[in-house]
Amino acid sequence: MGKVKVENIRAYAHHGCLKEETAIGSEYRVDVSVNADISKAALSDRLSDTVDYVHINRIVKEEMGLPSKLLEHVGQRIIKRIFDEIPIVTAAKVWVSKINPPIGGDVEKVTVVIKEKRIP
């Protein structure tokens, strides 16, 4: 078993419950960690035997481009696509962070963490 992490994926997106949030948009950060058996890739040196982090980045960018009210919803969509499109992934954890959220205080970011295991 191994772990592949793609960290600090930056995106400008239009998520939120307030009309202003979806109209104006804001900066987001997404981190992804997946578990998979990467031992075959360690021996073969073939991309097809591992988790392609370019694929993970593309999934995140595409899902961040679809507006949602809640960060939880975006995170769940990202995990679903990872499981649907990357068969060797056995577990995934996604952090979706909104930078400088409009909550009336000096807050760097808010983060939602979604973690799931593949159901056999």
PDB file of N, CA and C in Angstrom:
ATOM      1  N   MET A   1       0.853  -1.188   0.000  1.00  0.00           N
ATOM      2  CA  MET A   1       0.000   0.000   0.000  1.00  0.00           C
ATOM      3  C   MET A   1       0.886   1.235   0.000  1.00  0.00           C
ATOM      4  N   GLY A   2       0.399   2.274  -0.604  1.00  0.00           N
ATOM      5  CA  GLY A   2       1.124   3.535  -0.628  1.00  0.00           C
ATOM      6  C   GLY A   2       0.149   4.697  -0.613  1.00  0.00           C
ATOM      7  N   LYS A   3       0.685   5.876  -0.656  1.00  0.00           N
ATOM      8  CA  LYS A   3      -0.125   7.088  -0.604  1.00  0.00           C
ATOM      9  C   LYS A   3       0.392   8.056  -1.658  1.00  0.00           C
ATOM     10  N   VAL A   4      -0.530   8.683  -2.367  1.00  0.00           N
ATOM     11  CA  VAL A   4      -0.191   9.746  -3.315  1.00  0.00           C
ATOM     12  C   VAL A   4      -0.917  10.997  -2.846  1.00  0.00           C
ATOM     13  N   LYS A   5      -0.171  12.084  -2.708  1.00  0.00           N
ATOM     14  CA  LYS A   5      -0.753  13.346  -2.252  1.00  0.00           C
ATOM     15  C   LYS A   5      -0.545  14.421  -3.309  1.00  0.00           C
ATOM     16  N   VAL A   6      -1.585  15.199  -3.536  1.00  0.00           N
ATOM     17  CA  VAL A   6      -1.487  16.375  -4.403  1.00  0.00           C
ATOM     18  C   VAL A   6      -1.928  17.534  -3.524  1.00  0.00           C
ATOM     19  N   GLU A   7      -1.005  18.437  -3.261  1.00  0.00           N
ATOM     20  CA  GLU A   7      -1.252  19.473  -2.260  1.00  0.00           C
ATOM     21  C   GLU A   7      -1.263  20.874  -2.855  1.00  0.00           C
ATOM     22  N   ASN A   8      -2.090  21.708  -2.246  1.00  0.00           N
ATOM     23  CA  ASN A   8      -2.165  23.126  -2.572  1.00  0.00           C
ATOM     24  C   ASN A   8      -2.572  23.378  -4.024  1.00  0.00           C
ATOM     25  N   ILE A   9      -3.606  22.664  -4.472  1.00  0.00           N
ATOM     26  CA  ILE A   9      -4.186  22.934  -5.789  1.00  0.00           C
ATOM     27  C   ILE A   9      -4.994  24.221  -5.626  1.00  0.00           C
ATOM     28  N   ARG A  10      -4.632  25.244  -6.359  1.00  0.00           N
ATOM     29  CA  ARG A  10      -5.307  26.537  -6.220  1.00  0.00           C
ATOM     30  C   ARG A  10      -6.332  26.721  -7.330  1.00  0.00           C
ATOM     31  N   ALA A  11      -7.487  27.257  -6.939  1.00  0.00           N
ATOM     32  CA  ALA A  11      -8.557  27.477  -7.917  1.00  0.00           C
ATOM     33  C   ALA A  11      -9.345  28.718  -7.526  1.00  0.00           C
ATOM     34  N   TYR A  12      -9.813  29.416  -8.524  1.00  0.00           N
ATOM     35  CA  TYR A  12     -10.753  30.512  -8.308  1.00  0.00           C
ATOM     36  C   TYR A  12     -12.110  29.953  -8.681  1.00  0.00           C
ATOM     37  N   ALA A  13     -13.064  30.000  -7.730  1.00  0.00           N
ATOM     38  CA  ALA A  13     -14.358  29.358  -7.969  1.00  0.00           C
ATOM     39  C   ALA A  13     -15.489  30.182  -7.373  1.00  0.00           C
ATOM     40  N   HIS A  14     -16.703  29.735  -7.649  1.00  0.00           N
ATOM     41  CA  HIS A  14     -17.911  30.482  -7.278  1.00  0.00           C
ATOM     42  C   HIS A  14     -18.821  29.639  -6.386  1.00  0.00           C
ATOM     43  N   HIS A  15     -18.305  29.232  -5.237  1.00  0.00           N
ATOM     44  CA  HIS A  15     -19.082  28.442  -4.287  1.00  0.00           C
ATOM     45  C   HIS A  15     -19.578  29.339  -3.159  1.00  0.00           C
ATOM     46  N   GLY A  16     -20.717  28.972  -2.583  1.00  0.00           N
ATOM     47  CA  GLY A  16     -21.206  29.682  -1.410  1.00  0.00           C
ATOM     48  C   GLY A  16     -22.716  29.792  -1.384  1.00  0.00           C
ATOM     49  N   CYS A  17     -23.233  30.118  -0.212  1.00  0.00           N
ATOM     50  CA  CYS A  17     -24.679  30.266  -0.021  1.00  0.00           C
ATOM     51  C   CYS A  17     -25.148  31.690  -0.312  1.00  0.00           C
ATOM     52  N   LEU A  18     -24.233  32.649  -0.222  1.00  0.00           N
ATOM     53  CA  LEU A  18     -24.604  34.039  -0.468  1.00  0.00           C
ATOM     54  C   LEU A  18     -24.527  34.357  -1.960  1.00  0.00           C
ATOM     55  N   LYS A  19     -25.446  35.166  -2.422  1.00  0.00           N
ATOM     56  CA  LYS A  19     -25.486  35.542  -3.835  1.00  0.00           C
ATOM     57  C   LYS A  19     -24.161  36.192  -4.257  1.00  0.00           C
ATOM     58  N   GLU A  20     -23.589  37.010  -3.367  1.00  0.00           N
ATOM     59  CA  GLU A  20     -22.327  37.685  -3.672  1.00  0.00           C
ATOM     60  C   GLU A  20     -21.189  36.691  -3.879  1.00  0.00           C
ATOM     61  N   GLU A  21     -21.182  35.619  -3.077  1.00  0.00           N
ATOM     62  CA  GLU A  21     -20.113  34.619  -3.181  1.00  0.00           C
ATOM     63  C   GLU A  21     -20.129  33.944  -4.551  1.00  0.00           C
ATOM     64  N   THR A  22     -21.320  33.603  -5.022  1.00  0.00           N
ATOM     65  CA  THR A  22     -21.401  32.922  -6.314  1.00  0.00           C
ATOM     66  C   THR A  22     -21.194  33.881  -7.476  1.00  0.00           C
ATOM     67  N   ALA A  23     -21.524  35.144  -7.285  1.00  0.00           N
ATOM     68  CA  ALA A  23     -21.342  36.134  -8.360  1.00  0.00           C
ATOM     69  C   ALA A  23     -19.877  36.553  -8.478  1.00  0.00           C
ATOM     70  N   ILE A  24     -19.267  36.877  -7.354  1.00  0.00           N
ATOM     71  CA  ILE A  24     -17.894  37.401  -7.353  1.00  0.00           C
ATOM     72  C   ILE A  24     -16.858  36.284  -7.392  1.00  0.00           C
ATOM     73  N   GLY A  25     -17.101  35.219  -6.624  1.00  0.00           N
ATOM     74  CA  GLY A  25     -16.128  34.132  -6.526  1.00  0.00           C
ATOM     75  C   GLY A  25     -15.035  34.445  -5.529  1.00  0.00           C
ATOM     76  N   SER A  26     -14.200  33.456  -5.267  1.00  0.00           N
ATOM     77  CA  SER A  26     -13.075  33.648  -4.356  1.00  0.00           C
ATOM     78  C   SER A  26     -12.025  32.566  -4.574  1.00  0.00           C
ATOM     79  N   GLU A  27     -10.937  32.713  -3.849  1.00  0.00           N
ATOM     80  CA  GLU A  27      -9.811  31.788  -3.957  1.00  0.00           C
ATOM     81  C   GLU A  27     -10.056  30.560  -3.079  1.00  0.00           C
ATOM     82  N   TYR A  28      -9.662  29.406  -3.596  1.00  0.00           N
ATOM     83  CA  TYR A  28      -9.787  28.141  -2.877  1.00  0.00           C
ATOM     84  C   TYR A  28      -8.475  27.377  -2.959  1.00  0.00           C
ATOM     85  N   ARG A  29      -8.297  26.498  -1.985  1.00  0.00           N
ATOM     86  CA  ARG A  29      -7.159  25.576  -1.972  1.00  0.00           C
ATOM     87  C   ARG A  29      -7.730  24.188  -1.735  1.00  0.00           C
ATOM     88  N   VAL A  30      -7.253  23.214  -2.521  1.00  0.00           N
ATOM     89  CA  VAL A  30      -7.688  21.828  -2.361  1.00  0.00           C
ATOM     90  C   VAL A  30      -6.448  20.950  -2.203  1.00  0.00           C
ATOM     91  N   ASP A  31      -6.527  20.042  -1.225  1.00  0.00           N
ATOM     92  CA  ASP A  31      -5.480  19.044  -1.009  1.00  0.00           C
ATOM     93  C   ASP A  31      -6.128  17.673  -1.122  1.00  0.00           C
ATOM     94  N   VAL A  32      -5.428  16.736  -1.747  1.00  0.00           N
ATOM     95  CA  VAL A  32      -5.964  15.389  -1.945  1.00  0.00           C
ATOM     96  C   VAL A  32      -4.898  14.383  -1.527  1.00  0.00           C
ATOM     97  N   SER A  33      -5.342  13.361  -0.794  1.00  0.00           N
ATOM     98  CA  SER A  33      -4.477  12.248  -0.436  1.00  0.00           C
ATOM     99  C   SER A  33      -5.236  10.966  -0.739  1.00  0.00           C
ATOM    100  N   VAL A  34      -4.608  10.051  -1.494  1.00  0.00           N
ATOM    101  CA  VAL A  34      -5.256   8.786  -1.819  1.00  0.00           C
ATOM    102  C   VAL A  34      -4.347   7.619  -1.443  1.00  0.00           C
ATOM    103  N   ASN A  35      -4.970   6.531  -1.042  1.00  0.00           N
ATOM    104  CA  ASN A  35      -4.251   5.294  -0.765  1.00  0.00           C
ATOM    105  C   ASN A  35      -4.465   4.349  -1.937  1.00  0.00           C
ATOM    106  N   ALA A  36      -3.410   3.648  -2.306  1.00  0.00           N
ATOM    107  CA  ALA A  36      -3.492   2.686  -3.401  1.00  0.00           C
ATOM    108  C   ALA A  36      -2.306   1.741  -3.316  1.00  0.00           C
ATOM    109  N   ASP A  37      -2.448   0.588  -3.925  1.00  0.00           N
ATOM    110  CA  ASP A  37      -1.329  -0.335  -4.016  1.00  0.00           C
ATOM    111  C   ASP A  37      -0.451   0.129  -5.181  1.00  0.00           C
ATOM    112  N   ILE A  38       0.650   0.775  -4.844  1.00  0.00           N
ATOM    113  CA  ILE A  38       1.558   1.304  -5.870  1.00  0.00           C
ATOM    114  C   ILE A  38       2.845   0.473  -5.986  1.00  0.00           C
ATOM    115  N   SER A  39       2.826  -0.720  -5.391  1.00  0.00           N
ATOM    116  CA  SER A  39       4.019  -1.567  -5.424  1.00  0.00           C
ATOM    117  C   SER A  39       4.368  -2.015  -6.847  1.00  0.00           C
ATOM    118  N   LYS A  40       3.351  -2.262  -7.668  1.00  0.00           N
ATOM    119  CA  LYS A  40       3.606  -2.660  -9.060  1.00  0.00           C
ATOM    120  C   LYS A  40       4.333  -1.550  -9.811  1.00  0.00           C
ATOM    121  N   ALA A  41       3.894  -0.298  -9.594  1.00  0.00           N
ATOM    122  CA  ALA A  41       4.538   0.849 -10.255  1.00  0.00           C
ATOM    123  C   ALA A  41       5.975   1.028  -9.785  1.00  0.00           C
ATOM    124  N   ALA A  42       6.223   0.730  -8.526  1.00  0.00           N
ATOM    125  CA  ALA A  42       7.580   0.863  -7.999  1.00  0.00           C
ATOM    126  C   ALA A  42       8.550  -0.068  -8.733  1.00  0.00           C
ATOM    127  N   LEU A  43       8.041  -1.193  -9.205  1.00  0.00           N
ATOM    128  CA  LEU A  43       8.885  -2.139  -9.953  1.00  0.00           C
ATOM    129  C   LEU A  43       8.862  -1.884 -11.456  1.00  0.00           C
ATOM    130  N   SER A  44       7.695  -1.552 -11.999  1.00  0.00           N
ATOM    131  CA  SER A  44       7.559  -1.439 -13.454  1.00  0.00           C
ATOM    132  C   SER A  44       8.013  -0.093 -14.018  1.00  0.00           C
ATOM    133  N   ASP A  45       7.930   0.956 -13.199  1.00  0.00           N
ATOM    134  CA  ASP A  45       8.250   2.318 -13.643  1.00  0.00           C
ATOM    135  C   ASP A  45       7.307   2.786 -14.749  1.00  0.00           C
ATOM    136  N   ARG A  46       6.034   2.287 -14.696  1.00  0.00           N
ATOM    137  CA  ARG A  46       5.029   2.662 -15.687  1.00  0.00           C
ATOM    138  C   ARG A  46       3.921   3.480 -15.039  1.00  0.00           C
ATOM    139  N   LEU A  47       3.561   4.587 -15.657  1.00  0.00           N
ATOM    140  CA  LEU A  47       2.494   5.457 -15.164  1.00  0.00           C
ATOM    141  C   LEU A  47       1.169   4.713 -15.046  1.00  0.00           C
ATOM    142  N   SER A  48       0.923   3.785 -15.948  1.00  0.00           N
ATOM    143  CA  SER A  48      -0.346   3.043 -15.939  1.00  0.00           C
ATOM    144  C   SER A  48      -0.507   2.155 -14.705  1.00  0.00           C
ATOM    145  N   ASP A  49       0.560   1.944 -13.951  1.00  0.00           N
ATOM    146  CA  ASP A  49       0.503   1.097 -12.756  1.00  0.00           C
ATOM    147  C   ASP A  49       0.362   1.891 -11.458  1.00  0.00           C
ATOM    148  N   THR A  50       0.161   3.188 -11.553  1.00  0.00           N
ATOM    149  CA  THR A  50       0.079   4.004 -10.348  1.00  0.00           C
ATOM    150  C   THR A  50      -1.092   4.977 -10.439  1.00  0.00           C
ATOM    151  N   VAL A  51      -1.161   5.882  -9.494  1.00  0.00           N
ATOM    152  CA  VAL A  51      -2.164   6.948  -9.490  1.00  0.00           C
ATOM    153  C   VAL A  51      -1.546   8.148 -10.196  1.00  0.00           C
ATOM    154  N   ASP A  52      -2.148   8.572 -11.273  1.00  0.00           N
ATOM    155  CA  ASP A  52      -1.649   9.707 -12.044  1.00  0.00           C
ATOM    156  C   ASP A  52      -2.097  11.005 -11.357  1.00  0.00           C
ATOM    157  N   TYR A  53      -1.160  11.741 -10.783  1.00  0.00           N
ATOM    158  CA  TYR A  53      -1.534  12.961 -10.071  1.00  0.00           C
ATOM    159  C   TYR A  53      -2.018  14.059 -11.003  1.00  0.00           C
ATOM    160  N   VAL A  54      -1.680  13.972 -12.285  1.00  0.00           N
ATOM    161  CA  VAL A  54      -2.234  14.909 -13.275  1.00  0.00           C
ATOM    162  C   VAL A  54      -3.743  14.680 -13.397  1.00  0.00           C
ATOM    163  N   HIS A  55      -4.155  13.436 -13.345  1.00  0.00           N
ATOM    164  CA  HIS A  55      -5.571  13.080 -13.398  1.00  0.00           C
ATOM    165  C   HIS A  55      -6.302  13.632 -12.168  1.00  0.00           C
ATOM    166  N   ILE A  56      -5.699  13.490 -10.993  1.00  0.00           N
ATOM    167  CA  ILE A  56      -6.303  14.033  -9.769  1.00  0.00           C
ATOM    168  C   ILE A  56      -6.446  15.548  -9.876  1.00  0.00           C
ATOM    169  N   ASN A  57      -5.419  16.218 -10.346  1.00  0.00           N
ATOM    170  CA  ASN A  57      -5.475  17.672 -10.503  1.00  0.00           C
ATOM    171  C   ASN A  57      -6.597  18.083 -11.454  1.00  0.00           C
ATOM    172  N   ARG A  58      -6.759  17.347 -12.561  1.00  0.00           N
ATOM    173  CA  ARG A  58      -7.813  17.651 -13.519  1.00  0.00           C
ATOM    174  C   ARG A  58      -9.206  17.469 -12.898  1.00  0.00           C
ATOM    175  N   ILE A  59      -9.391  16.395 -12.140  1.00  0.00           N
ATOM    176  CA  ILE A  59     -10.671  16.169 -11.460  1.00  0.00           C
ATOM    177  C   ILE A  59     -10.981  17.344 -10.535  1.00  0.00           C
ATOM    178  N   VAL A  60     -10.014  17.752  -9.743  1.00  0.00           N
ATOM    179  CA  VAL A  60     -10.224  18.863  -8.803  1.00  0.00           C
ATOM    180  C   VAL A  60     -10.585  20.137  -9.556  1.00  0.00           C
ATOM    181  N   LYS A  61      -9.837  20.484 -10.579  1.00  0.00           N
ATOM    182  CA  LYS A  61     -10.095  21.712 -11.334  1.00  0.00           C
ATOM    183  C   LYS A  61     -11.498  21.694 -11.953  1.00  0.00           C
ATOM    184  N   GLU A  62     -11.883  20.553 -12.522  1.00  0.00           N
ATOM    185  CA  GLU A  62     -13.200  20.460 -13.152  1.00  0.00           C
ATOM    186  C   GLU A  62     -14.325  20.575 -12.125  1.00  0.00           C
ATOM    187  N   GLU A  63     -14.186  19.906 -10.991  1.00  0.00           N
ATOM    188  CA  GLU A  63     -15.232  19.956  -9.970  1.00  0.00           C
ATOM    189  C   GLU A  63     -15.290  21.319  -9.285  1.00  0.00           C
ATOM    190  N   MET A  64     -14.154  21.967  -9.131  1.00  0.00           N
ATOM    191  CA  MET A  64     -14.155  23.314  -8.539  1.00  0.00           C
ATOM    192  C   MET A  64     -14.828  24.304  -9.480  1.00  0.00           C
ATOM    193  N   GLY A  65     -14.853  24.008 -10.765  1.00  0.00           N
ATOM    194  CA  GLY A  65     -15.486  24.885 -11.745  1.00  0.00           C
ATOM    195  C   GLY A  65     -17.004  24.800 -11.766  1.00  0.00           C
ATOM    196  N   LEU A  66     -17.585  23.830 -11.052  1.00  0.00           N
ATOM    197  CA  LEU A  66     -19.036  23.683 -10.976  1.00  0.00           C
ATOM    198  C   LEU A  66     -19.524  24.257  -9.648  1.00  0.00           C
ATOM    199  N   PRO A  67     -20.236  25.384  -9.650  1.00  0.00           N
ATOM    200  CA  PRO A  67     -20.640  26.036  -8.398  1.00  0.00           C
ATOM    201  C   PRO A  67     -21.505  25.146  -7.504  1.00  0.00           C
ATOM    202  N   SER A  68     -21.218  25.221  -6.216  1.00  0.00           N
ATOM    203  CA  SER A  68     -21.997  24.545  -5.179  1.00  0.00           C
ATOM    204  C   SER A  68     -22.203  25.510  -4.033  1.00  0.00           C
ATOM    205  N   LYS A  69     -23.223  25.270  -3.246  1.00  0.00           N
ATOM    206  CA  LYS A  69     -23.437  26.093  -2.059  1.00  0.00           C
ATOM    207  C   LYS A  69     -22.444  25.723  -0.964  1.00  0.00           C
ATOM    208  N   LEU A  70     -22.174  24.427  -0.822  1.00  0.00           N
ATOM    209  CA  LEU A  70     -21.357  23.951   0.295  1.00  0.00           C
ATOM    210  C   LEU A  70     -20.047  23.314  -0.156  1.00  0.00           C
ATOM    211  N   LEU A  71     -18.992  23.550   0.626  1.00  0.00           N
ATOM    212  CA  LEU A  71     -17.706  22.928   0.358  1.00  0.00           C
ATOM    213  C   LEU A  71     -17.803  21.412   0.519  1.00  0.00           C
ATOM    214  N   GLU A  72     -18.673  20.962   1.409  1.00  0.00           N
ATOM    215  CA  GLU A  72     -18.878  19.531   1.600  1.00  0.00           C
ATOM    216  C   GLU A  72     -19.318  18.862   0.301  1.00  0.00           C
ATOM    217  N   HIS A  73     -20.184  19.531  -0.436  1.00  0.00           N
ATOM    218  CA  HIS A  73     -20.700  18.995  -1.698  1.00  0.00           C
ATOM    219  C   HIS A  73     -19.584  18.887  -2.736  1.00  0.00           C
ATOM    220  N   VAL A  74     -18.756  19.902  -2.817  1.00  0.00           N
ATOM    221  CA  VAL A  74     -17.631  19.880  -3.761  1.00  0.00           C
ATOM    222  C   VAL A  74     -16.666  18.753  -3.401  1.00  0.00           C
ATOM    223  N   GLY A  75     -16.317  18.638  -2.118  1.00  0.00           N
ATOM    224  CA  GLY A  75     -15.401  17.588  -1.674  1.00  0.00           C
ATOM    225  C   GLY A  75     -15.927  16.199  -1.981  1.00  0.00           C
ATOM    226  N   GLN A  76     -17.226  15.993  -1.771  1.00  0.00           N
ATOM    227  CA  GLN A  76     -17.833  14.695  -2.049  1.00  0.00           C
ATOM    228  C   GLN A  76     -17.794  14.373  -3.538  1.00  0.00           C
ATOM    229  N   ARG A  77     -18.042  15.367  -4.374  1.00  0.00           N
ATOM    230  CA  ARG A  77     -17.971  15.156  -5.826  1.00  0.00           C
ATOM    231  C   ARG A  77     -16.556  14.763  -6.260  1.00  0.00           C
ATOM    232  N   ILE A  78     -15.564  15.410  -5.670  1.00  0.00           N
ATOM    233  CA  ILE A  78     -14.170  15.097  -6.005  1.00  0.00           C
ATOM    234  C   ILE A  78     -13.864  13.645  -5.647  1.00  0.00           C
ATOM    235  N   ILE A  79     -14.235  13.220  -4.448  1.00  0.00           N
ATOM    236  CA  ILE A  79     -13.974  11.839  -4.031  1.00  0.00           C
ATOM    237  C   ILE A  79     -14.708  10.845  -4.927  1.00  0.00           C
ATOM    238  N   LYS A  80     -15.951  11.120  -5.255  1.00  0.00           N
ATOM    239  CA  LYS A  80     -16.718  10.217  -6.113  1.00  0.00           C
ATOM    240  C   LYS A  80     -16.026  10.029  -7.455  1.00  0.00           C
ATOM    241  N   ARG A  81     -15.562  11.116  -8.035  1.00  0.00           N
ATOM    242  CA  ARG A  81     -14.883  11.007  -9.334  1.00  0.00           C
ATOM    243  C   ARG A  81     -13.568  10.247  -9.222  1.00  0.00           C
ATOM    244  N   ILE A  82     -12.837  10.475  -8.131  1.00  0.00           N
ATOM    245  CA  ILE A  82     -11.582   9.727  -7.941  1.00  0.00           C
ATOM    246  C   ILE A  82     -11.876   8.234  -7.904  1.00  0.00           C
ATOM    247  N   PHE A  83     -12.875   7.819  -7.137  1.00  0.00           N
ATOM    248  CA  PHE A  83     -13.226   6.404  -7.071  1.00  0.00           C
ATOM    249  C   PHE A  83     -13.739   5.887  -8.420  1.00  0.00           C
ATOM    250  N   ASP A  84     -14.529   6.689  -9.119  1.00  0.00           N
ATOM    251  CA  ASP A  84     -15.085   6.275 -10.414  1.00  0.00           C
ATOM    252  C   ASP A  84     -14.016   6.148 -11.500  1.00  0.00           C
ATOM    253  N   GLU A  85     -13.004   7.015 -11.465  1.00  0.00           N
ATOM    254  CA  GLU A  85     -12.058   7.106 -12.572  1.00  0.00           C
ATOM    255  C   GLU A  85     -10.685   6.491 -12.312  1.00  0.00           C
ATOM    256  N   ILE A  86     -10.360   6.229 -11.041  1.00  0.00           N
ATOM    257  CA  ILE A  86      -9.032   5.679 -10.725  1.00  0.00           C
ATOM    258  C   ILE A  86      -9.231   4.409  -9.898  1.00  0.00           C
ATOM    259  N   PRO A  87      -9.373   3.262 -10.550  1.00  0.00           N
ATOM    260  CA  PRO A  87      -9.766   2.020  -9.882  1.00  0.00           C
ATOM    261  C   PRO A  87      -8.833   1.539  -8.769  1.00  0.00           C
ATOM    262  N   ILE A  88      -7.542   1.867  -8.824  1.00  0.00           N
ATOM    263  CA  ILE A  88      -6.644   1.329  -7.797  1.00  0.00           C
ATOM    264  C   ILE A  88      -6.709   2.107  -6.488  1.00  0.00           C
ATOM    265  N   VAL A  89      -7.422   3.231  -6.449  1.00  0.00           N
ATOM    266  CA  VAL A  89      -7.555   3.996  -5.206  1.00  0.00           C
ATOM    267  C   VAL A  89      -8.479   3.250  -4.254  1.00  0.00           C
ATOM    268  N   THR A  90      -7.988   3.016  -3.025  1.00  0.00           N
ATOM    269  CA  THR A  90      -8.775   2.299  -2.012  1.00  0.00           C
ATOM    270  C   THR A  90      -9.368   3.233  -0.963  1.00  0.00           C
ATOM    271  N   ALA A  91      -8.775   4.404  -0.798  1.00  0.00           N
ATOM    272  CA  ALA A  91      -9.277   5.392   0.161  1.00  0.00           C
ATOM    273  C   ALA A  91      -8.846   6.766  -0.311  1.00  0.00           C
ATOM    274  N   ALA A  92      -9.651   7.767   0.028  1.00  0.00           N
ATOM    275  CA  ALA A  92      -9.330   9.137  -0.390  1.00  0.00           C
ATOM    276  C   ALA A  92      -9.705  10.106   0.724  1.00  0.00           C
ATOM    277  N   LYS A  93      -8.928  11.166   0.813  1.00  0.00           N
ATOM    278  CA  LYS A  93      -9.185  12.246   1.768  1.00  0.00           C
ATOM    279  C   LYS A  93      -8.987  13.557   1.014  1.00  0.00           C
ATOM    280  N   VAL A  94      -9.969  14.445   1.123  1.00  0.00           N
ATOM    281  CA  VAL A  94      -9.936  15.712   0.394  1.00  0.00           C
ATOM    282  C   VAL A  94     -10.176  16.853   1.368  1.00  0.00           C
ATOM    283  N   TRP A  95      -9.312  17.861   1.300  1.00  0.00           N
ATOM    284  CA  TRP A  95      -9.472  19.096   2.067  1.00  0.00           C
ATOM    285  C   TRP A  95      -9.844  20.194   1.085  1.00  0.00           C
ATOM    286  N   VAL A  96     -10.979  20.845   1.285  1.00  0.00           N
ATOM    287  CA  VAL A  96     -11.384  21.976   0.451  1.00  0.00           C
ATOM    288  C   VAL A  96     -11.400  23.203   1.348  1.00  0.00           C
ATOM    289  N   SER A  97     -10.577  24.194   1.018  1.00  0.00           N
ATOM    290  CA  SER A  97     -10.444  25.399   1.848  1.00  0.00           C
ATOM    291  C   SER A  97     -10.857  26.642   1.075  1.00  0.00           C
ATOM    292  N   LYS A  98     -11.659  27.464   1.718  1.00  0.00           N
ATOM    293  CA  LYS A  98     -12.014  28.780   1.157  1.00  0.00           C
ATOM    294  C   LYS A  98     -11.098  29.797   1.829  1.00  0.00           C
ATOM    295  N   ILE A  99     -10.341  30.526   1.004  1.00  0.00           N
ATOM    296  CA  ILE A  99      -9.392  31.520   1.505  1.00  0.00           C
ATOM    297  C   ILE A  99     -10.145  32.830   1.777  1.00  0.00           C
ATOM    298  N   ASN A 100      -9.851  33.454   2.897  1.00  0.00           N
ATOM    299  CA  ASN A 100     -10.495  34.716   3.297  1.00  0.00           C
ATOM    300  C   ASN A 100     -12.027  34.650   3.190  1.00  0.00           C
ATOM    301  N   PRO A 101     -12.656  33.760   3.926  1.00  0.00           N
ATOM    302  CA  PRO A 101     -14.114  33.628   3.827  1.00  0.00           C
ATOM    303  C   PRO A 101     -14.834  34.867   4.357  1.00  0.00           C
ATOM    304  N   PRO A 102     -15.990  35.186   3.784  1.00  0.00           N
ATOM    305  CA  PRO A 102     -16.730  36.380   4.217  1.00  0.00           C
ATOM    306  C   PRO A 102     -17.559  36.096   5.473  1.00  0.00           C
ATOM    307  N   ILE A 103     -16.871  35.970   6.621  1.00  0.00           N
ATOM    308  CA  ILE A 103     -17.583  35.631   7.854  1.00  0.00           C
ATOM    309  C   ILE A 103     -17.474  36.715   8.921  1.00  0.00           C
ATOM    310  N   GLY A 104     -17.096  37.892   8.509  1.00  0.00           N
ATOM    311  CA  GLY A 104     -17.068  39.010   9.453  1.00  0.00           C
ATOM    312  C   GLY A 104     -15.954  38.936  10.481  1.00  0.00           C
ATOM    313  N   GLY A 105     -14.817  38.408  10.106  1.00  0.00           N
ATOM    314  CA  GLY A 105     -13.681  38.336  11.020  1.00  0.00           C
ATOM    315  C   GLY A 105     -12.399  38.154  10.241  1.00  0.00           C
ATOM    316  N   ASP A 106     -11.284  38.246  10.958  1.00  0.00           N
ATOM    317  CA  ASP A 106      -9.979  38.074  10.337  1.00  0.00           C
ATOM    318  C   ASP A 106      -9.642  36.587  10.351  1.00  0.00           C
ATOM    319  N   VAL A 107     -10.099  35.865   9.316  1.00  0.00           N
ATOM    320  CA  VAL A 107      -9.934  34.424   9.231  1.00  0.00           C
ATOM    321  C   VAL A 107      -9.189  34.096   7.941  1.00  0.00           C
ATOM    322  N   GLU A 108      -8.099  33.373   8.068  1.00  0.00           N
ATOM    323  CA  GLU A 108      -7.304  33.007   6.885  1.00  0.00           C
ATOM    324  C   GLU A 108      -8.070  32.099   5.940  1.00  0.00           C
ATOM    325  N   LYS A 109      -8.699  31.050   6.496  1.00  0.00           N
ATOM    326  CA  LYS A 109      -9.418  30.106   5.647  1.00  0.00           C
ATOM    327  C   LYS A 109     -10.340  29.245   6.497  1.00  0.00           C
ATOM    328  N   VAL A 110     -11.322  28.668   5.841  1.00  0.00           N
ATOM    329  CA  VAL A 110     -12.142  27.624   6.446  1.00  0.00           C
ATOM    330  C   VAL A 110     -11.945  26.373   5.597  1.00  0.00           C
ATOM    331  N   THR A 111     -11.927  25.223   6.253  1.00  0.00           N
ATOM    332  CA  THR A 111     -11.630  23.976   5.553  1.00  0.00           C
ATOM    333  C   THR A 111     -12.642  22.904   5.927  1.00  0.00           C
ATOM    334  N   VAL A 112     -13.069  22.177   4.914  1.00  0.00           N
ATOM    335  CA  VAL A 112     -13.919  21.009   5.109  1.00  0.00           C
ATOM    336  C   VAL A 112     -13.088  19.798   4.676  1.00  0.00           C
ATOM    337  N   VAL A 113     -13.106  18.740   5.492  1.00  0.00           N
ATOM    338  CA  VAL A 113     -12.353  17.522   5.185  1.00  0.00           C
ATOM    339  C   VAL A 113     -13.348  16.382   4.976  1.00  0.00           C
ATOM    340  N   ILE A 114     -13.211  15.715   3.836  1.00  0.00           N
ATOM    341  CA  ILE A 114     -14.038  14.557   3.515  1.00  0.00           C
ATOM    342  C   ILE A 114     -13.097  13.362   3.351  1.00  0.00           C
ATOM    343  N   LYS A 115     -13.442  12.257   4.004  1.00  0.00           N
ATOM    344  CA  LYS A 115     -12.602  11.065   3.958  1.00  0.00           C
ATOM    345  C   LYS A 115     -13.493   9.853   3.725  1.00  0.00           C
ATOM    346  N   GLU A 116     -13.104   8.996   2.763  1.00  0.00           N
ATOM    347  CA  GLU A 116     -13.898   7.805   2.461  1.00  0.00           C
ATOM    348  C   GLU A 116     -13.003   6.666   2.042  1.00  0.00           C
ATOM    349  N   LYS A 117     -13.508   5.451   2.295  1.00  0.00           N
ATOM    350  CA  LYS A 117     -12.890   4.237   1.787  1.00  0.00           C
ATOM    351  C   LYS A 117     -13.765   3.681   0.686  1.00  0.00           C
ATOM    352  N   ARG A 118     -13.138   3.062  -0.286  1.00  0.00           N
ATOM    353  CA  ARG A 118     -13.892   2.440  -1.375  1.00  0.00           C
ATOM    354  C   ARG A 118     -14.687   1.265  -0.801  1.00  0.00           C
ATOM    355  N   ILE A 119     -15.941   1.197  -1.196  1.00  0.00           N
ATOM    356  CA  ILE A 119     -16.787   0.075  -0.779  1.00  0.00           C
ATOM    357  C   ILE A 119     -16.580  -1.038  -1.796  1.00  0.00           C
ATOM    358  N   PRO A 120     -16.127  -2.204  -1.323  1.00  0.00           N
ATOM    359  CA  PRO A 120     -15.843  -3.302  -2.271  1.00  0.00           C
ATOM    360  C   PRO A 120     -17.094  -3.833  -2.952  1.00  0.00           C
TER     361      PRO A 120
END
